[in-house]
């Protein structure tokens, strides 16, 4: 029997400094590097929730709202929004801080789905339920079910169209 876990138990905050090797020729953070950092933050959050290795199953709508410049500080905040039978939705919020001005702004956000795997069989195994406590956590918890339903409908639509 898995005991439910609070959202705050899965929270992760990573901080990265954008260095020259992380940027394109315009001095902006490479999108792939940001995606890598987001995936790591989300994986840590999912693994904290299930106390096990969890793997990325999908990423929803990653949009780049603002460029992230060389020398900026990138804060990645991740937490499990909701757990399902063997999967979890993890929300990742990317905030950027300018070292020079101290200005802080939202750059990106995304929802990633992770699956909890048995390390010996590599088969999906159950995850603990999620206990949202704050108003924000409850809102994200409720919205996660809607997003999951949309994901599954989209996947089934793709598979049904390929079978014709």
C-alpha atoms as a PDB file:
ATOM      1  CA  UNK A   1       0.000   0.000   0.000  1.00  0.00           C
ATOM      2  CA  UNK A   2       1.483   3.298  -1.098  1.00  0.00           C
ATOM      3  CA  UNK A   3       0.973   6.243   1.225  1.00  0.00           C
ATOM      4  CA  UNK A   4      -0.194   9.500  -0.386  1.00  0.00           C
ATOM      5  CA  UNK A   5       2.387  12.293  -0.587  1.00  0.00           C
ATOM      6  CA  UNK A   6       2.064  16.047  -0.352  1.00  0.00           C
ATOM      7  CA  UNK A   7       2.899  18.186  -3.369  1.00  0.00           C
ATOM      8  CA  UNK A   8       5.522  20.053  -1.336  1.00  0.00           C
ATOM      9  CA  UNK A   9       7.424  16.776  -0.875  1.00  0.00           C
ATOM     10  CA  UNK A  10       8.064  16.677  -4.635  1.00  0.00           C
ATOM     11  CA  UNK A  11       9.157  20.296  -5.041  1.00  0.00           C
ATOM     12  CA  UNK A  12      12.520  20.913  -6.686  1.00  0.00           C
ATOM     13  CA  UNK A  13      14.287  24.183  -7.399  1.00  0.00           C
ATOM     14  CA  UNK A  14      17.333  24.202  -9.654  1.00  0.00           C
ATOM     15  CA  UNK A  15      19.450  27.227 -10.414  1.00  0.00           C
ATOM     16  CA  UNK A  16      21.627  27.510 -13.512  1.00  0.00           C
ATOM     17  CA  UNK A  17      23.890  30.258 -14.829  1.00  0.00           C
ATOM     18  CA  UNK A  18      23.812  30.769 -18.603  1.00  0.00           C
ATOM     19  CA  UNK A  19      27.397  30.410 -19.798  1.00  0.00           C
ATOM     20  CA  UNK A  20      28.861  30.898 -23.306  1.00  0.00           C
ATOM     21  CA  UNK A  21      28.704  27.154 -24.057  1.00  0.00           C
ATOM     22  CA  UNK A  22      24.916  27.262 -23.377  1.00  0.00           C
ATOM     23  CA  UNK A  23      24.149  29.943 -25.986  1.00  0.00           C
ATOM     24  CA  UNK A  24      23.589  30.336 -29.712  1.00  0.00           C
ATOM     25  CA  UNK A  25      25.354  32.928 -31.899  1.00  0.00           C
ATOM     26  CA  UNK A  26      22.895  35.608 -30.725  1.00  0.00           C
ATOM     27  CA  UNK A  27      23.920  35.115 -27.092  1.00  0.00           C
ATOM     28  CA  UNK A  28      20.598  33.484 -26.196  1.00  0.00           C
ATOM     29  CA  UNK A  29      20.227  30.234 -24.266  1.00  0.00           C
ATOM     30  CA  UNK A  30      19.846  27.279 -26.625  1.00  0.00           C
ATOM     31  CA  UNK A  31      16.300  25.908 -26.552  1.00  0.00           C
ATOM     32  CA  UNK A  32      17.601  22.359 -26.296  1.00  0.00           C
ATOM     33  CA  UNK A  33      19.715  23.247 -23.247  1.00  0.00           C
ATOM     34  CA  UNK A  34      16.661  24.742 -21.521  1.00  0.00           C
ATOM     35  CA  UNK A  35      14.618  21.650 -22.401  1.00  0.00           C
ATOM     36  CA  UNK A  36      17.379  19.501 -20.894  1.00  0.00           C
ATOM     37  CA  UNK A  37      17.352  21.498 -17.658  1.00  0.00           C
ATOM     38  CA  UNK A  38      13.546  21.338 -17.488  1.00  0.00           C
ATOM     39  CA  UNK A  39      13.588  17.576 -18.003  1.00  0.00           C
ATOM     40  CA  UNK A  40      16.132  17.146 -15.197  1.00  0.00           C
ATOM     41  CA  UNK A  41      14.106  19.293 -12.769  1.00  0.00           C
ATOM     42  CA  UNK A  42      10.920  17.399 -13.638  1.00  0.00           C
ATOM     43  CA  UNK A  43      12.648  14.009 -13.323  1.00  0.00           C
ATOM     44  CA  UNK A  44      13.961  14.917  -9.877  1.00  0.00           C
ATOM     45  CA  UNK A  45      10.486  15.993  -8.795  1.00  0.00           C
ATOM     46  CA  UNK A  46       8.845  12.816 -10.119  1.00  0.00           C
ATOM     47  CA  UNK A  47      11.510  10.628  -8.533  1.00  0.00           C
ATOM     48  CA  UNK A  48      11.065  12.402  -5.209  1.00  0.00           C
ATOM     49  CA  UNK A  49       7.344  11.708  -5.378  1.00  0.00           C
ATOM     50  CA  UNK A  50       7.639   7.984  -6.125  1.00  0.00           C
ATOM     51  CA  UNK A  51      11.022   7.368  -4.446  1.00  0.00           C
ATOM     52  CA  UNK A  52      12.111   5.604  -7.592  1.00  0.00           C
ATOM     53  CA  UNK A  53      13.372   6.171 -11.107  1.00  0.00           C
ATOM     54  CA  UNK A  54      10.749   7.837 -13.269  1.00  0.00           C
ATOM     55  CA  UNK A  55      11.123   8.401 -17.010  1.00  0.00           C
ATOM     56  CA  UNK A  56       9.799  11.091 -19.339  1.00  0.00           C
ATOM     57  CA  UNK A  57       6.738  10.004 -21.307  1.00  0.00           C
ATOM     58  CA  UNK A  58       5.668  13.332 -22.826  1.00  0.00           C
ATOM     59  CA  UNK A  59       6.107  17.097 -22.788  1.00  0.00           C
ATOM     60  CA  UNK A  60       3.178  19.440 -23.387  1.00  0.00           C
ATOM     61  CA  UNK A  61       3.420  22.759 -25.217  1.00  0.00           C
ATOM     62  CA  UNK A  62       6.831  24.142 -24.453  1.00  0.00           C
ATOM     63  CA  UNK A  63       6.690  27.770 -25.566  1.00  0.00           C
ATOM     64  CA  UNK A  64       9.567  30.225 -25.550  1.00  0.00           C
ATOM     65  CA  UNK A  65       8.105  33.562 -24.411  1.00  0.00           C
ATOM     66  CA  UNK A  66      11.270  35.550 -23.766  1.00  0.00           C
ATOM     67  CA  UNK A  67      14.907  34.997 -24.715  1.00  0.00           C
ATOM     68  CA  UNK A  68      17.283  34.040 -21.931  1.00  0.00           C
ATOM     69  CA  UNK A  69      20.592  35.863 -22.293  1.00  0.00           C
ATOM     70  CA  UNK A  70      24.186  34.973 -21.573  1.00  0.00           C
ATOM     71  CA  UNK A  71      24.901  35.698 -17.903  1.00  0.00           C
ATOM     72  CA  UNK A  72      21.274  35.362 -16.761  1.00  0.00           C
ATOM     73  CA  UNK A  73      20.352  33.219 -13.776  1.00  0.00           C
ATOM     74  CA  UNK A  74      17.744  30.575 -14.601  1.00  0.00           C
ATOM     75  CA  UNK A  75      15.496  29.237 -11.828  1.00  0.00           C
ATOM     76  CA  UNK A  76      13.594  26.057 -12.586  1.00  0.00           C
ATOM     77  CA  UNK A  77      10.781  25.177 -10.184  1.00  0.00           C
ATOM     78  CA  UNK A  78       9.152  21.771 -10.504  1.00  0.00           C
ATOM     79  CA  UNK A  79       6.534  19.816  -8.582  1.00  0.00           C
ATOM     80  CA  UNK A  80       4.148  16.938  -9.166  1.00  0.00           C
ATOM     81  CA  UNK A  81       0.716  18.359  -9.946  1.00  0.00           C
ATOM     82  CA  UNK A  82      -1.134  15.054  -9.852  1.00  0.00           C
ATOM     83  CA  UNK A  83      -0.397  11.350  -9.776  1.00  0.00           C
ATOM     84  CA  UNK A  84      -2.382   8.799 -11.724  1.00  0.00           C
ATOM     85  CA  UNK A  85      -2.018   5.002 -11.642  1.00  0.00           C
ATOM     86  CA  UNK A  86       1.592   4.698 -12.870  1.00  0.00           C
ATOM     87  CA  UNK A  87       2.233   8.215 -14.168  1.00  0.00           C
ATOM     88  CA  UNK A  88       2.562  11.744 -12.838  1.00  0.00           C
ATOM     89  CA  UNK A  89       2.139  15.186 -14.323  1.00  0.00           C
ATOM     90  CA  UNK A  90       4.990  17.486 -13.320  1.00  0.00           C
ATOM     91  CA  UNK A  91       4.770  21.240 -13.818  1.00  0.00           C
ATOM     92  CA  UNK A  92       7.978  23.177 -14.469  1.00  0.00           C
ATOM     93  CA  UNK A  93       8.173  26.956 -14.233  1.00  0.00           C
ATOM     94  CA  UNK A  94      11.242  28.775 -15.591  1.00  0.00           C
ATOM     95  CA  UNK A  95      12.080  32.162 -14.118  1.00  0.00           C
ATOM     96  CA  UNK A  96      14.967  34.299 -15.295  1.00  0.00           C
ATOM     97  CA  UNK A  97      16.901  36.812 -13.237  1.00  0.00           C
ATOM     98  CA  UNK A  98      19.182  39.450 -14.657  1.00  0.00           C
ATOM     99  CA  UNK A  99      22.355  39.703 -12.589  1.00  0.00           C
ATOM    100  CA  UNK A 100      22.775  43.370 -13.578  1.00  0.00           C
ATOM    101  CA  UNK A 101      19.259  44.656 -12.873  1.00  0.00           C
ATOM    102  CA  UNK A 102      17.865  42.021 -10.531  1.00  0.00           C
ATOM    103  CA  UNK A 103      14.756  41.918 -12.739  1.00  0.00           C
ATOM    104  CA  UNK A 104      12.886  38.607 -12.541  1.00  0.00           C
ATOM    105  CA  UNK A 105      10.517  37.362 -15.245  1.00  0.00           C
ATOM    106  CA  UNK A 106       8.730  34.187 -16.337  1.00  0.00           C
ATOM    107  CA  UNK A 107      10.364  32.771 -19.425  1.00  0.00           C
ATOM    108  CA  UNK A 108       8.844  29.339 -19.913  1.00  0.00           C
ATOM    109  CA  UNK A 109       6.592  26.730 -18.409  1.00  0.00           C
ATOM    110  CA  UNK A 110       5.612  23.222 -19.402  1.00  0.00           C
ATOM    111  CA  UNK A 111       3.909  20.086 -18.185  1.00  0.00           C
ATOM    112  CA  UNK A 112       5.802  16.820 -18.410  1.00  0.00           C
ATOM    113  CA  UNK A 113       4.410  13.348 -17.859  1.00  0.00           C
ATOM    114  CA  UNK A 114       6.608  10.797 -16.107  1.00  0.00           C
ATOM    115  CA  UNK A 115       6.107   7.076 -15.630  1.00  0.00           C
ATOM    116  CA  UNK A 116       7.311   5.217 -12.555  1.00  0.00           C
ATOM    117  CA  UNK A 117       9.297   2.130 -13.620  1.00  0.00           C
ATOM    118  CA  UNK A 118      10.263  -1.018 -11.775  1.00  0.00           C
ATOM    119  CA  UNK A 119      14.080  -0.999 -12.095  1.00  0.00           C
ATOM    120  CA  UNK A 120      14.332  -4.762 -12.640  1.00  0.00           C
ATOM    121  CA  UNK A 121      11.500  -5.294 -15.138  1.00  0.00           C
ATOM    122  CA  UNK A 122      11.285  -1.771 -16.618  1.00  0.00           C
ATOM    123  CA  UNK A 123       7.490  -2.114 -16.402  1.00  0.00           C
ATOM    124  CA  UNK A 124       5.272   0.695 -15.064  1.00  0.00           C
ATOM    125  CA  UNK A 125       4.406   0.431 -11.382  1.00  0.00           C
ATOM    126  CA  UNK A 126       1.957   2.389  -9.185  1.00  0.00           C
ATOM    127  CA  UNK A 127       2.756   5.821  -7.797  1.00  0.00           C
ATOM    128  CA  UNK A 128       1.525   7.360  -4.543  1.00  0.00           C
ATOM    129  CA  UNK A 129      -1.511   9.629  -4.713  1.00  0.00           C
ATOM    130  CA  UNK A 130      -0.891  13.378  -4.552  1.00  0.00           C
ATOM    131  CA  UNK A 131      -2.207  15.544  -1.717  1.00  0.00           C
ATOM    132  CA  UNK A 132      -2.604  19.183  -2.796  1.00  0.00           C
ATOM    133  CA  UNK A 133      -2.783  21.589   0.143  1.00  0.00           C
ATOM    134  CA  UNK A 134      -2.736  25.189  -1.107  1.00  0.00           C
ATOM    135  CA  UNK A 135      -5.278  26.837  -3.417  1.00  0.00           C
ATOM    136  CA  UNK A 136      -2.666  26.892  -6.198  1.00  0.00           C
ATOM    137  CA  UNK A 137      -1.849  23.193  -5.717  1.00  0.00           C
ATOM    138  CA  UNK A 138      -5.565  22.305  -5.762  1.00  0.00           C
ATOM    139  CA  UNK A 139      -6.070  24.309  -8.978  1.00  0.00           C
ATOM    140  CA  UNK A 140      -3.109  22.575 -10.669  1.00  0.00           C
ATOM    141  CA  UNK A 141      -4.316  19.188  -9.355  1.00  0.00           C
ATOM    142  CA  UNK A 142      -7.764  19.682 -10.916  1.00  0.00           C
ATOM    143  CA  UNK A 143      -6.393  21.048 -14.198  1.00  0.00           C
ATOM    144  CA  UNK A 144      -3.973  18.119 -14.496  1.00  0.00           C
ATOM    145  CA  UNK A 145      -6.872  15.701 -14.955  1.00  0.00           C
ATOM    146  CA  UNK A 146      -8.262  17.830 -17.801  1.00  0.00           C
ATOM    147  CA  UNK A 147      -4.849  17.962 -19.484  1.00  0.00           C
ATOM    148  CA  UNK A 148      -4.458  14.194 -19.104  1.00  0.00           C
ATOM    149  CA  UNK A 149      -7.833  13.602 -20.724  1.00  0.00           C
ATOM    150  CA  UNK A 150      -6.788  15.871 -23.626  1.00  0.00           C
ATOM    151  CA  UNK A 151      -3.449  14.044 -23.990  1.00  0.00           C
ATOM    152  CA  UNK A 152      -5.137  10.647 -24.071  1.00  0.00           C
ATOM    153  CA  UNK A 153      -7.780  11.824 -26.543  1.00  0.00           C
ATOM    154  CA  UNK A 154      -5.045  13.198 -28.785  1.00  0.00           C
ATOM    155  CA  UNK A 155      -3.034   9.973 -28.618  1.00  0.00           C
ATOM    156  CA  UNK A 156      -6.096   7.840 -29.372  1.00  0.00           C
ATOM    157  CA  UNK A 157      -6.957  10.143 -32.279  1.00  0.00           C
ATOM    158  CA  UNK A 158      -3.469   9.744 -33.724  1.00  0.00           C
ATOM    159  CA  UNK A 159      -3.569   5.946 -33.415  1.00  0.00           C
ATOM    160  CA  UNK A 160      -7.087   5.737 -34.866  1.00  0.00           C
ATOM    161  CA  UNK A 161      -6.066   7.847 -37.871  1.00  0.00           C
ATOM    162  CA  UNK A 162      -3.005   5.689 -38.610  1.00  0.00           C
ATOM    163  CA  UNK A 163      -5.058   2.501 -38.641  1.00  0.00           C
ATOM    164  CA  UNK A 164      -7.317   3.700 -41.489  1.00  0.00           C
END
